[in-house]
Amino acid sequence: DTTNGYPEKLAYDFSTNSDVYLQV
C-alpha cells in the first residue's frame, strides 16, 4: 500500500513461482 509508505506497489505475479517467501 503506497499510501502507507511502501516505495512501490505490490506488482509481483505470484503465478511465476510455485514457492515464494515473505521476509519480515
PDBML (XML) file of the C-alpha atoms, coordinates in Angstrom:
<?xml version="1.0" encoding="UTF-8" ?>
<PDBx:datablock datablockName="MODEL"
   xmlns:PDBx="http://pdbml.pdb.org/schema/pdbx-v50.xsd"
   xmlns:xsi="http://www.w3.org/2001/XMLSchema-instance"
   xsi:schemaLocation="http://pdbml.pdb.org/schema/pdbx-v50.xsd pdbx-v50.xsd">
   <PDBx:atom_siteCategory>
      <PDBx:atom_site id="1">
         <PDBx:B_iso_or_equiv>0.00</PDBx:B_iso_or_equiv>
         <PDBx:Cartn_x>0.000</PDBx:Cartn_x>
         <PDBx:Cartn_y>0.000</PDBx:Cartn_y>
         <PDBx:Cartn_z>0.000</PDBx:Cartn_z>
         <PDBx:auth_asym_id>A</PDBx:auth_asym_id>
         <PDBx:auth_atom_id>CA</PDBx:auth_atom_id>
         <PDBx:auth_comp_id>ASP</PDBx:auth_comp_id>
         <PDBx:auth_seq_id>1</PDBx:auth_seq_id>
         <PDBx:group_PDB>ATOM</PDBx:group_PDB>
         <PDBx:label_alt_id xsi:nil="true" />
         <PDBx:label_asym_id>A</PDBx:label_asym_id>
         <PDBx:label_atom_id>CA</PDBx:label_atom_id>
         <PDBx:label_comp_id>ASP</PDBx:label_comp_id>
         <PDBx:label_entity_id>1</PDBx:label_entity_id>
         <PDBx:label_seq_id>1</PDBx:label_seq_id>
         <PDBx:occupancy>1.00</PDBx:occupancy>
         <PDBx:pdbx_PDB_model_num>1</PDBx:pdbx_PDB_model_num>
         <PDBx:type_symbol>C</PDBx:type_symbol>
      </PDBx:atom_site>
      <PDBx:atom_site id="2">
         <PDBx:B_iso_or_equiv>0.00</PDBx:B_iso_or_equiv>
         <PDBx:Cartn_x>1.947</PDBx:Cartn_x>
         <PDBx:Cartn_y>3.016</PDBx:Cartn_y>
         <PDBx:Cartn_z>-1.281</PDBx:Cartn_z>
         <PDBx:auth_asym_id>A</PDBx:auth_asym_id>
         <PDBx:auth_atom_id>CA</PDBx:auth_atom_id>
         <PDBx:auth_comp_id>THR</PDBx:auth_comp_id>
         <PDBx:auth_seq_id>2</PDBx:auth_seq_id>
         <PDBx:group_PDB>ATOM</PDBx:group_PDB>
         <PDBx:label_alt_id xsi:nil="true" />
         <PDBx:label_asym_id>A</PDBx:label_asym_id>
         <PDBx:label_atom_id>CA</PDBx:label_atom_id>
         <PDBx:label_comp_id>THR</PDBx:label_comp_id>
         <PDBx:label_entity_id>1</PDBx:label_entity_id>
         <PDBx:label_seq_id>2</PDBx:label_seq_id>
         <PDBx:occupancy>1.00</PDBx:occupancy>
         <PDBx:pdbx_PDB_model_num>1</PDBx:pdbx_PDB_model_num>
         <PDBx:type_symbol>C</PDBx:type_symbol>
      </PDBx:atom_site>
      <PDBx:atom_site id="3">
         <PDBx:B_iso_or_equiv>0.00</PDBx:B_iso_or_equiv>
         <PDBx:Cartn_x>-0.193</PDBx:Cartn_x>
         <PDBx:Cartn_y>5.384</PDBx:Cartn_y>
         <PDBx:Cartn_z>0.818</PDBx:Cartn_z>
         <PDBx:auth_asym_id>A</PDBx:auth_asym_id>
         <PDBx:auth_atom_id>CA</PDBx:auth_atom_id>
         <PDBx:auth_comp_id>THR</PDBx:auth_comp_id>
         <PDBx:auth_seq_id>3</PDBx:auth_seq_id>
         <PDBx:group_PDB>ATOM</PDBx:group_PDB>
         <PDBx:label_alt_id xsi:nil="true" />
         <PDBx:label_asym_id>A</PDBx:label_asym_id>
         <PDBx:label_atom_id>CA</PDBx:label_atom_id>
         <PDBx:label_comp_id>THR</PDBx:label_comp_id>
         <PDBx:label_entity_id>1</PDBx:label_entity_id>
         <PDBx:label_seq_id>3</PDBx:label_seq_id>
         <PDBx:occupancy>1.00</PDBx:occupancy>
         <PDBx:pdbx_PDB_model_num>1</PDBx:pdbx_PDB_model_num>
         <PDBx:type_symbol>C</PDBx:type_symbol>
      </PDBx:atom_site>
      <PDBx:atom_site id="4">
         <PDBx:B_iso_or_equiv>0.00</PDBx:B_iso_or_equiv>
         <PDBx:Cartn_x>1.365</PDBx:Cartn_x>
         <PDBx:Cartn_y>3.739</PDBx:Cartn_y>
         <PDBx:Cartn_z>3.911</PDBx:Cartn_z>
         <PDBx:auth_asym_id>A</PDBx:auth_asym_id>
         <PDBx:auth_atom_id>CA</PDBx:auth_atom_id>
         <PDBx:auth_comp_id>ASN</PDBx:auth_comp_id>
         <PDBx:auth_seq_id>4</PDBx:auth_seq_id>
         <PDBx:group_PDB>ATOM</PDBx:group_PDB>
         <PDBx:label_alt_id xsi:nil="true" />
         <PDBx:label_asym_id>A</PDBx:label_asym_id>
         <PDBx:label_atom_id>CA</PDBx:label_atom_id>
         <PDBx:label_comp_id>ASN</PDBx:label_comp_id>
         <PDBx:label_entity_id>1</PDBx:label_entity_id>
         <PDBx:label_seq_id>4</PDBx:label_seq_id>
         <PDBx:occupancy>1.00</PDBx:occupancy>
         <PDBx:pdbx_PDB_model_num>1</PDBx:pdbx_PDB_model_num>
         <PDBx:type_symbol>C</PDBx:type_symbol>
      </PDBx:atom_site>
      <PDBx:atom_site id="5">
         <PDBx:B_iso_or_equiv>0.00</PDBx:B_iso_or_equiv>
         <PDBx:Cartn_x>4.999</PDBx:Cartn_x>
         <PDBx:Cartn_y>4.299</PDBx:Cartn_y>
         <PDBx:Cartn_z>2.945</PDBx:Cartn_z>
         <PDBx:auth_asym_id>A</PDBx:auth_asym_id>
         <PDBx:auth_atom_id>CA</PDBx:auth_atom_id>
         <PDBx:auth_comp_id>GLY</PDBx:auth_comp_id>
         <PDBx:auth_seq_id>5</PDBx:auth_seq_id>
         <PDBx:group_PDB>ATOM</PDBx:group_PDB>
         <PDBx:label_alt_id xsi:nil="true" />
         <PDBx:label_asym_id>A</PDBx:label_asym_id>
         <PDBx:label_atom_id>CA</PDBx:label_atom_id>
         <PDBx:label_comp_id>GLY</PDBx:label_comp_id>
         <PDBx:label_entity_id>1</PDBx:label_entity_id>
         <PDBx:label_seq_id>5</PDBx:label_seq_id>
         <PDBx:occupancy>1.00</PDBx:occupancy>
         <PDBx:pdbx_PDB_model_num>1</PDBx:pdbx_PDB_model_num>
         <PDBx:type_symbol>C</PDBx:type_symbol>
      </PDBx:atom_site>
      <PDBx:atom_site id="6">
         <PDBx:B_iso_or_equiv>0.00</PDBx:B_iso_or_equiv>
         <PDBx:Cartn_x>5.848</PDBx:Cartn_x>
         <PDBx:Cartn_y>1.472</PDBx:Cartn_y>
         <PDBx:Cartn_z>0.569</PDBx:Cartn_z>
         <PDBx:auth_asym_id>A</PDBx:auth_asym_id>
         <PDBx:auth_atom_id>CA</PDBx:auth_atom_id>
         <PDBx:auth_comp_id>TYR</PDBx:auth_comp_id>
         <PDBx:auth_seq_id>6</PDBx:auth_seq_id>
         <PDBx:group_PDB>ATOM</PDBx:group_PDB>
         <PDBx:label_alt_id xsi:nil="true" />
         <PDBx:label_asym_id>A</PDBx:label_asym_id>
         <PDBx:label_atom_id>CA</PDBx:label_atom_id>
         <PDBx:label_comp_id>TYR</PDBx:label_comp_id>
         <PDBx:label_entity_id>1</PDBx:label_entity_id>
         <PDBx:label_seq_id>6</PDBx:label_seq_id>
         <PDBx:occupancy>1.00</PDBx:occupancy>
         <PDBx:pdbx_PDB_model_num>1</PDBx:pdbx_PDB_model_num>
         <PDBx:type_symbol>C</PDBx:type_symbol>
      </PDBx:atom_site>
      <PDBx:atom_site id="7">
         <PDBx:B_iso_or_equiv>0.00</PDBx:B_iso_or_equiv>
         <PDBx:Cartn_x>8.123</PDBx:Cartn_x>
         <PDBx:Cartn_y>2.739</PDBx:Cartn_y>
         <PDBx:Cartn_z>-2.202</PDBx:Cartn_z>
         <PDBx:auth_asym_id>A</PDBx:auth_asym_id>
         <PDBx:auth_atom_id>CA</PDBx:auth_atom_id>
         <PDBx:auth_comp_id>PRO</PDBx:auth_comp_id>
         <PDBx:auth_seq_id>7</PDBx:auth_seq_id>
         <PDBx:group_PDB>ATOM</PDBx:group_PDB>
         <PDBx:label_alt_id xsi:nil="true" />
         <PDBx:label_asym_id>A</PDBx:label_asym_id>
         <PDBx:label_atom_id>CA</PDBx:label_atom_id>
         <PDBx:label_comp_id>PRO</PDBx:label_comp_id>
         <PDBx:label_entity_id>1</PDBx:label_entity_id>
         <PDBx:label_seq_id>7</PDBx:label_seq_id>
         <PDBx:occupancy>1.00</PDBx:occupancy>
         <PDBx:pdbx_PDB_model_num>1</PDBx:pdbx_PDB_model_num>
         <PDBx:type_symbol>C</PDBx:type_symbol>
      </PDBx:atom_site>
      <PDBx:atom_site id="8">
         <PDBx:B_iso_or_equiv>0.00</PDBx:B_iso_or_equiv>
         <PDBx:Cartn_x>6.321</PDBx:Cartn_x>
         <PDBx:Cartn_y>0.740</PDBx:Cartn_y>
         <PDBx:Cartn_z>-4.861</PDBx:Cartn_z>
         <PDBx:auth_asym_id>A</PDBx:auth_asym_id>
         <PDBx:auth_atom_id>CA</PDBx:auth_atom_id>
         <PDBx:auth_comp_id>GLU</PDBx:auth_comp_id>
         <PDBx:auth_seq_id>8</PDBx:auth_seq_id>
         <PDBx:group_PDB>ATOM</PDBx:group_PDB>
         <PDBx:label_alt_id xsi:nil="true" />
         <PDBx:label_asym_id>A</PDBx:label_asym_id>
         <PDBx:label_atom_id>CA</PDBx:label_atom_id>
         <PDBx:label_comp_id>GLU</PDBx:label_comp_id>
         <PDBx:label_entity_id>1</PDBx:label_entity_id>
         <PDBx:label_seq_id>8</PDBx:label_seq_id>
         <PDBx:occupancy>1.00</PDBx:occupancy>
         <PDBx:pdbx_PDB_model_num>1</PDBx:pdbx_PDB_model_num>
         <PDBx:type_symbol>C</PDBx:type_symbol>
      </PDBx:atom_site>
      <PDBx:atom_site id="9">
         <PDBx:B_iso_or_equiv>0.00</PDBx:B_iso_or_equiv>
         <PDBx:Cartn_x>3.055</PDBx:Cartn_x>
         <PDBx:Cartn_y>-1.111</PDBx:Cartn_y>
         <PDBx:Cartn_z>-5.217</PDBx:Cartn_z>
         <PDBx:auth_asym_id>A</PDBx:auth_asym_id>
         <PDBx:auth_atom_id>CA</PDBx:auth_atom_id>
         <PDBx:auth_comp_id>LYS</PDBx:auth_comp_id>
         <PDBx:auth_seq_id>9</PDBx:auth_seq_id>
         <PDBx:group_PDB>ATOM</PDBx:group_PDB>
         <PDBx:label_alt_id xsi:nil="true" />
         <PDBx:label_asym_id>A</PDBx:label_asym_id>
         <PDBx:label_atom_id>CA</PDBx:label_atom_id>
         <PDBx:label_comp_id>LYS</PDBx:label_comp_id>
         <PDBx:label_entity_id>1</PDBx:label_entity_id>
         <PDBx:label_seq_id>9</PDBx:label_seq_id>
         <PDBx:occupancy>1.00</PDBx:occupancy>
         <PDBx:pdbx_PDB_model_num>1</PDBx:pdbx_PDB_model_num>
         <PDBx:type_symbol>C</PDBx:type_symbol>
      </PDBx:atom_site>
      <PDBx:atom_site id="10">
         <PDBx:B_iso_or_equiv>0.00</PDBx:B_iso_or_equiv>
         <PDBx:Cartn_x>2.990</PDBx:Cartn_x>
         <PDBx:Cartn_y>-4.867</PDBx:Cartn_y>
         <PDBx:Cartn_z>-4.988</PDBx:Cartn_z>
         <PDBx:auth_asym_id>A</PDBx:auth_asym_id>
         <PDBx:auth_atom_id>CA</PDBx:auth_atom_id>
         <PDBx:auth_comp_id>LEU</PDBx:auth_comp_id>
         <PDBx:auth_seq_id>10</PDBx:auth_seq_id>
         <PDBx:group_PDB>ATOM</PDBx:group_PDB>
         <PDBx:label_alt_id xsi:nil="true" />
         <PDBx:label_asym_id>A</PDBx:label_asym_id>
         <PDBx:label_atom_id>CA</PDBx:label_atom_id>
         <PDBx:label_comp_id>LEU</PDBx:label_comp_id>
         <PDBx:label_entity_id>1</PDBx:label_entity_id>
         <PDBx:label_seq_id>10</PDBx:label_seq_id>
         <PDBx:occupancy>1.00</PDBx:occupancy>
         <PDBx:pdbx_PDB_model_num>1</PDBx:pdbx_PDB_model_num>
         <PDBx:type_symbol>C</PDBx:type_symbol>
      </PDBx:atom_site>
      <PDBx:atom_site id="11">
         <PDBx:B_iso_or_equiv>0.00</PDBx:B_iso_or_equiv>
         <PDBx:Cartn_x>3.168</PDBx:Cartn_x>
         <PDBx:Cartn_y>-5.815</PDBx:Cartn_y>
         <PDBx:Cartn_z>-8.653</PDBx:Cartn_z>
         <PDBx:auth_asym_id>A</PDBx:auth_asym_id>
         <PDBx:auth_atom_id>CA</PDBx:auth_atom_id>
         <PDBx:auth_comp_id>ALA</PDBx:auth_comp_id>
         <PDBx:auth_seq_id>11</PDBx:auth_seq_id>
         <PDBx:group_PDB>ATOM</PDBx:group_PDB>
         <PDBx:label_alt_id xsi:nil="true" />
         <PDBx:label_asym_id>A</PDBx:label_asym_id>
         <PDBx:label_atom_id>CA</PDBx:label_atom_id>
         <PDBx:label_comp_id>ALA</PDBx:label_comp_id>
         <PDBx:label_entity_id>1</PDBx:label_entity_id>
         <PDBx:label_seq_id>11</PDBx:label_seq_id>
         <PDBx:occupancy>1.00</PDBx:occupancy>
         <PDBx:pdbx_PDB_model_num>1</PDBx:pdbx_PDB_model_num>
         <PDBx:type_symbol>C</PDBx:type_symbol>
      </PDBx:atom_site>
      <PDBx:atom_site id="12">
         <PDBx:B_iso_or_equiv>0.00</PDBx:B_iso_or_equiv>
         <PDBx:Cartn_x>4.687</PDBx:Cartn_x>
         <PDBx:Cartn_y>-9.276</PDBx:Cartn_y>
         <PDBx:Cartn_z>-8.326</PDBx:Cartn_z>
         <PDBx:auth_asym_id>A</PDBx:auth_asym_id>
         <PDBx:auth_atom_id>CA</PDBx:auth_atom_id>
         <PDBx:auth_comp_id>TYR</PDBx:auth_comp_id>
         <PDBx:auth_seq_id>12</PDBx:auth_seq_id>
         <PDBx:group_PDB>ATOM</PDBx:group_PDB>
         <PDBx:label_alt_id xsi:nil="true" />
         <PDBx:label_asym_id>A</PDBx:label_asym_id>
         <PDBx:label_atom_id>CA</PDBx:label_atom_id>
         <PDBx:label_comp_id>TYR</PDBx:label_comp_id>
         <PDBx:label_entity_id>1</PDBx:label_entity_id>
         <PDBx:label_seq_id>12</PDBx:label_seq_id>
         <PDBx:occupancy>1.00</PDBx:occupancy>
         <PDBx:pdbx_PDB_model_num>1</PDBx:pdbx_PDB_model_num>
         <PDBx:type_symbol>C</PDBx:type_symbol>
      </PDBx:atom_site>
      <PDBx:atom_site id="13">
         <PDBx:B_iso_or_equiv>0.00</PDBx:B_iso_or_equiv>
         <PDBx:Cartn_x>2.952</PDBx:Cartn_x>
         <PDBx:Cartn_y>-12.005</PDBx:Cartn_y>
         <PDBx:Cartn_z>-10.340</PDBx:Cartn_z>
         <PDBx:auth_asym_id>A</PDBx:auth_asym_id>
         <PDBx:auth_atom_id>CA</PDBx:auth_atom_id>
         <PDBx:auth_comp_id>ASP</PDBx:auth_comp_id>
         <PDBx:auth_seq_id>13</PDBx:auth_seq_id>
         <PDBx:group_PDB>ATOM</PDBx:group_PDB>
         <PDBx:label_alt_id xsi:nil="true" />
         <PDBx:label_asym_id>A</PDBx:label_asym_id>
         <PDBx:label_atom_id>CA</PDBx:label_atom_id>
         <PDBx:label_comp_id>ASP</PDBx:label_comp_id>
         <PDBx:label_entity_id>1</PDBx:label_entity_id>
         <PDBx:label_seq_id>13</PDBx:label_seq_id>
         <PDBx:occupancy>1.00</PDBx:occupancy>
         <PDBx:pdbx_PDB_model_num>1</PDBx:pdbx_PDB_model_num>
         <PDBx:type_symbol>C</PDBx:type_symbol>
      </PDBx:atom_site>
      <PDBx:atom_site id="14">
         <PDBx:B_iso_or_equiv>0.00</PDBx:B_iso_or_equiv>
         <PDBx:Cartn_x>2.667</PDBx:Cartn_x>
         <PDBx:Cartn_y>-14.875</PDBx:Cartn_y>
         <PDBx:Cartn_z>-7.861</PDBx:Cartn_z>
         <PDBx:auth_asym_id>A</PDBx:auth_asym_id>
         <PDBx:auth_atom_id>CA</PDBx:auth_atom_id>
         <PDBx:auth_comp_id>PHE</PDBx:auth_comp_id>
         <PDBx:auth_seq_id>14</PDBx:auth_seq_id>
         <PDBx:group_PDB>ATOM</PDBx:group_PDB>
         <PDBx:label_alt_id xsi:nil="true" />
         <PDBx:label_asym_id>A</PDBx:label_asym_id>
         <PDBx:label_atom_id>CA</PDBx:label_atom_id>
         <PDBx:label_comp_id>PHE</PDBx:label_comp_id>
         <PDBx:label_entity_id>1</PDBx:label_entity_id>
         <PDBx:label_seq_id>14</PDBx:label_seq_id>
         <PDBx:occupancy>1.00</PDBx:occupancy>
         <PDBx:pdbx_PDB_model_num>1</PDBx:pdbx_PDB_model_num>
         <PDBx:type_symbol>C</PDBx:type_symbol>
      </PDBx:atom_site>
      <PDBx:atom_site id="15">
         <PDBx:B_iso_or_equiv>0.00</PDBx:B_iso_or_equiv>
         <PDBx:Cartn_x>1.910</PDBx:Cartn_x>
         <PDBx:Cartn_y>-17.370</PDBx:Cartn_y>
         <PDBx:Cartn_z>-10.635</PDBx:Cartn_z>
         <PDBx:auth_asym_id>A</PDBx:auth_asym_id>
         <PDBx:auth_atom_id>CA</PDBx:auth_atom_id>
         <PDBx:auth_comp_id>SER</PDBx:auth_comp_id>
         <PDBx:auth_seq_id>15</PDBx:auth_seq_id>
         <PDBx:group_PDB>ATOM</PDBx:group_PDB>
         <PDBx:label_alt_id xsi:nil="true" />
         <PDBx:label_asym_id>A</PDBx:label_asym_id>
         <PDBx:label_atom_id>CA</PDBx:label_atom_id>
         <PDBx:label_comp_id>SER</PDBx:label_comp_id>
         <PDBx:label_entity_id>1</PDBx:label_entity_id>
         <PDBx:label_seq_id>15</PDBx:label_seq_id>
         <PDBx:occupancy>1.00</PDBx:occupancy>
         <PDBx:pdbx_PDB_model_num>1</PDBx:pdbx_PDB_model_num>
         <PDBx:type_symbol>C</PDBx:type_symbol>
      </PDBx:atom_site>
      <PDBx:atom_site id="16">
         <PDBx:B_iso_or_equiv>0.00</PDBx:B_iso_or_equiv>
         <PDBx:Cartn_x>5.530</PDBx:Cartn_x>
         <PDBx:Cartn_y>-17.183</PDBx:Cartn_y>
         <PDBx:Cartn_z>-11.897</PDBx:Cartn_z>
         <PDBx:auth_asym_id>A</PDBx:auth_asym_id>
         <PDBx:auth_atom_id>CA</PDBx:auth_atom_id>
         <PDBx:auth_comp_id>THR</PDBx:auth_comp_id>
         <PDBx:auth_seq_id>16</PDBx:auth_seq_id>
         <PDBx:group_PDB>ATOM</PDBx:group_PDB>
         <PDBx:label_alt_id xsi:nil="true" />
         <PDBx:label_asym_id>A</PDBx:label_asym_id>
         <PDBx:label_atom_id>CA</PDBx:label_atom_id>
         <PDBx:label_comp_id>THR</PDBx:label_comp_id>
         <PDBx:label_entity_id>1</PDBx:label_entity_id>
         <PDBx:label_seq_id>16</PDBx:label_seq_id>
         <PDBx:occupancy>1.00</PDBx:occupancy>
         <PDBx:pdbx_PDB_model_num>1</PDBx:pdbx_PDB_model_num>
         <PDBx:type_symbol>C</PDBx:type_symbol>
      </PDBx:atom_site>
      <PDBx:atom_site id="17">
         <PDBx:B_iso_or_equiv>0.00</PDBx:B_iso_or_equiv>
         <PDBx:Cartn_x>6.942</PDBx:Cartn_x>
         <PDBx:Cartn_y>-19.157</PDBx:Cartn_y>
         <PDBx:Cartn_z>-8.923</PDBx:Cartn_z>
         <PDBx:auth_asym_id>A</PDBx:auth_asym_id>
         <PDBx:auth_atom_id>CA</PDBx:auth_atom_id>
         <PDBx:auth_comp_id>ASN</PDBx:auth_comp_id>
         <PDBx:auth_seq_id>17</PDBx:auth_seq_id>
         <PDBx:group_PDB>ATOM</PDBx:group_PDB>
         <PDBx:label_alt_id xsi:nil="true" />
         <PDBx:label_asym_id>A</PDBx:label_asym_id>
         <PDBx:label_atom_id>CA</PDBx:label_atom_id>
         <PDBx:label_comp_id>ASN</PDBx:label_comp_id>
         <PDBx:label_entity_id>1</PDBx:label_entity_id>
         <PDBx:label_seq_id>17</PDBx:label_seq_id>
         <PDBx:occupancy>1.00</PDBx:occupancy>
         <PDBx:pdbx_PDB_model_num>1</PDBx:pdbx_PDB_model_num>
         <PDBx:type_symbol>C</PDBx:type_symbol>
      </PDBx:atom_site>
      <PDBx:atom_site id="18">
         <PDBx:B_iso_or_equiv>0.00</PDBx:B_iso_or_equiv>
         <PDBx:Cartn_x>5.404</PDBx:Cartn_x>
         <PDBx:Cartn_y>-22.058</PDBx:Cartn_y>
         <PDBx:Cartn_z>-7.045</PDBx:Cartn_z>
         <PDBx:auth_asym_id>A</PDBx:auth_asym_id>
         <PDBx:auth_atom_id>CA</PDBx:auth_atom_id>
         <PDBx:auth_comp_id>SER</PDBx:auth_comp_id>
         <PDBx:auth_seq_id>18</PDBx:auth_seq_id>
         <PDBx:group_PDB>ATOM</PDBx:group_PDB>
         <PDBx:label_alt_id xsi:nil="true" />
         <PDBx:label_asym_id>A</PDBx:label_asym_id>
         <PDBx:label_atom_id>CA</PDBx:label_atom_id>
         <PDBx:label_comp_id>SER</PDBx:label_comp_id>
         <PDBx:label_entity_id>1</PDBx:label_entity_id>
         <PDBx:label_seq_id>18</PDBx:label_seq_id>
         <PDBx:occupancy>1.00</PDBx:occupancy>
         <PDBx:pdbx_PDB_model_num>1</PDBx:pdbx_PDB_model_num>
         <PDBx:type_symbol>C</PDBx:type_symbol>
      </PDBx:atom_site>
      <PDBx:atom_site id="19">
         <PDBx:B_iso_or_equiv>0.00</PDBx:B_iso_or_equiv>
         <PDBx:Cartn_x>7.199</PDBx:Cartn_x>
         <PDBx:Cartn_y>-21.122</PDBx:Cartn_y>
         <PDBx:Cartn_z>-3.800</PDBx:Cartn_z>
         <PDBx:auth_asym_id>A</PDBx:auth_asym_id>
         <PDBx:auth_atom_id>CA</PDBx:auth_atom_id>
         <PDBx:auth_comp_id>ASP</PDBx:auth_comp_id>
         <PDBx:auth_seq_id>19</PDBx:auth_seq_id>
         <PDBx:group_PDB>ATOM</PDBx:group_PDB>
         <PDBx:label_alt_id xsi:nil="true" />
         <PDBx:label_asym_id>A</PDBx:label_asym_id>
         <PDBx:label_atom_id>CA</PDBx:label_atom_id>
         <PDBx:label_comp_id>ASP</PDBx:label_comp_id>
         <PDBx:label_entity_id>1</PDBx:label_entity_id>
         <PDBx:label_seq_id>19</PDBx:label_seq_id>
         <PDBx:occupancy>1.00</PDBx:occupancy>
         <PDBx:pdbx_PDB_model_num>1</PDBx:pdbx_PDB_model_num>
         <PDBx:type_symbol>C</PDBx:type_symbol>
      </PDBx:atom_site>
      <PDBx:atom_site id="20">
         <PDBx:B_iso_or_equiv>0.00</PDBx:B_iso_or_equiv>
         <PDBx:Cartn_x>7.731</PDBx:Cartn_x>
         <PDBx:Cartn_y>-17.590</PDBx:Cartn_y>
         <PDBx:Cartn_z>-2.535</PDBx:Cartn_z>
         <PDBx:auth_asym_id>A</PDBx:auth_asym_id>
         <PDBx:auth_atom_id>CA</PDBx:auth_atom_id>
         <PDBx:auth_comp_id>VAL</PDBx:auth_comp_id>
         <PDBx:auth_seq_id>20</PDBx:auth_seq_id>
         <PDBx:group_PDB>ATOM</PDBx:group_PDB>
         <PDBx:label_alt_id xsi:nil="true" />
         <PDBx:label_asym_id>A</PDBx:label_asym_id>
         <PDBx:label_atom_id>CA</PDBx:label_atom_id>
         <PDBx:label_comp_id>VAL</PDBx:label_comp_id>
         <PDBx:label_entity_id>1</PDBx:label_entity_id>
         <PDBx:label_seq_id>20</PDBx:label_seq_id>
         <PDBx:occupancy>1.00</PDBx:occupancy>
         <PDBx:pdbx_PDB_model_num>1</PDBx:pdbx_PDB_model_num>
         <PDBx:type_symbol>C</PDBx:type_symbol>
      </PDBx:atom_site>
      <PDBx:atom_site id="21">
         <PDBx:B_iso_or_equiv>0.00</PDBx:B_iso_or_equiv>
         <PDBx:Cartn_x>8.677</PDBx:Cartn_x>
         <PDBx:Cartn_y>-16.455</PDBx:Cartn_y>
         <PDBx:Cartn_z>0.956</PDBx:Cartn_z>
         <PDBx:auth_asym_id>A</PDBx:auth_asym_id>
         <PDBx:auth_atom_id>CA</PDBx:auth_atom_id>
         <PDBx:auth_comp_id>TYR</PDBx:auth_comp_id>
         <PDBx:auth_seq_id>21</PDBx:auth_seq_id>
         <PDBx:group_PDB>ATOM</PDBx:group_PDB>
         <PDBx:label_alt_id xsi:nil="true" />
         <PDBx:label_asym_id>A</PDBx:label_asym_id>
         <PDBx:label_atom_id>CA</PDBx:label_atom_id>
         <PDBx:label_comp_id>TYR</PDBx:label_comp_id>
         <PDBx:label_entity_id>1</PDBx:label_entity_id>
         <PDBx:label_seq_id>21</PDBx:label_seq_id>
         <PDBx:occupancy>1.00</PDBx:occupancy>
         <PDBx:pdbx_PDB_model_num>1</PDBx:pdbx_PDB_model_num>
         <PDBx:type_symbol>C</PDBx:type_symbol>
      </PDBx:atom_site>
      <PDBx:atom_site id="22">
         <PDBx:B_iso_or_equiv>0.00</PDBx:B_iso_or_equiv>
         <PDBx:Cartn_x>7.822</PDBx:Cartn_x>
         <PDBx:Cartn_y>-13.328</PDBx:Cartn_y>
         <PDBx:Cartn_z>2.901</PDBx:Cartn_z>
         <PDBx:auth_asym_id>A</PDBx:auth_asym_id>
         <PDBx:auth_atom_id>CA</PDBx:auth_atom_id>
         <PDBx:auth_comp_id>LEU</PDBx:auth_comp_id>
         <PDBx:auth_seq_id>22</PDBx:auth_seq_id>
         <PDBx:group_PDB>ATOM</PDBx:group_PDB>
         <PDBx:label_alt_id xsi:nil="true" />
         <PDBx:label_asym_id>A</PDBx:label_asym_id>
         <PDBx:label_atom_id>CA</PDBx:label_atom_id>
         <PDBx:label_comp_id>LEU</PDBx:label_comp_id>
         <PDBx:label_entity_id>1</PDBx:label_entity_id>
         <PDBx:label_seq_id>22</PDBx:label_seq_id>
         <PDBx:occupancy>1.00</PDBx:occupancy>
         <PDBx:pdbx_PDB_model_num>1</PDBx:pdbx_PDB_model_num>
         <PDBx:type_symbol>C</PDBx:type_symbol>
      </PDBx:atom_site>
      <PDBx:atom_site id="23">
         <PDBx:B_iso_or_equiv>0.00</PDBx:B_iso_or_equiv>
         <PDBx:Cartn_x>10.744</PDBx:Cartn_x>
         <PDBx:Cartn_y>-11.872</PDBx:Cartn_y>
         <PDBx:Cartn_z>4.826</PDBx:Cartn_z>
         <PDBx:auth_asym_id>A</PDBx:auth_asym_id>
         <PDBx:auth_atom_id>CA</PDBx:auth_atom_id>
         <PDBx:auth_comp_id>GLN</PDBx:auth_comp_id>
         <PDBx:auth_seq_id>23</PDBx:auth_seq_id>
         <PDBx:group_PDB>ATOM</PDBx:group_PDB>
         <PDBx:label_alt_id xsi:nil="true" />
         <PDBx:label_asym_id>A</PDBx:label_asym_id>
         <PDBx:label_atom_id>CA</PDBx:label_atom_id>
         <PDBx:label_comp_id>GLN</PDBx:label_comp_id>
         <PDBx:label_entity_id>1</PDBx:label_entity_id>
         <PDBx:label_seq_id>23</PDBx:label_seq_id>
         <PDBx:occupancy>1.00</PDBx:occupancy>
         <PDBx:pdbx_PDB_model_num>1</PDBx:pdbx_PDB_model_num>
         <PDBx:type_symbol>C</PDBx:type_symbol>
      </PDBx:atom_site>
      <PDBx:atom_site id="24">
         <PDBx:B_iso_or_equiv>0.00</PDBx:B_iso_or_equiv>
         <PDBx:Cartn_x>9.690</PDBx:Cartn_x>
         <PDBx:Cartn_y>-9.746</PDBx:Cartn_y>
         <PDBx:Cartn_z>7.802</PDBx:Cartn_z>
         <PDBx:auth_asym_id>A</PDBx:auth_asym_id>
         <PDBx:auth_atom_id>CA</PDBx:auth_atom_id>
         <PDBx:auth_comp_id>VAL</PDBx:auth_comp_id>
         <PDBx:auth_seq_id>24</PDBx:auth_seq_id>
         <PDBx:group_PDB>ATOM</PDBx:group_PDB>
         <PDBx:label_alt_id xsi:nil="true" />
         <PDBx:label_asym_id>A</PDBx:label_asym_id>
         <PDBx:label_atom_id>CA</PDBx:label_atom_id>
         <PDBx:label_comp_id>VAL</PDBx:label_comp_id>
         <PDBx:label_entity_id>1</PDBx:label_entity_id>
         <PDBx:label_seq_id>24</PDBx:label_seq_id>
         <PDBx:occupancy>1.00</PDBx:occupancy>
         <PDBx:pdbx_PDB_model_num>1</PDBx:pdbx_PDB_model_num>
         <PDBx:type_symbol>C</PDBx:type_symbol>
      </PDBx:atom_site>
   </PDBx:atom_siteCategory>
</PDBx:datablock>
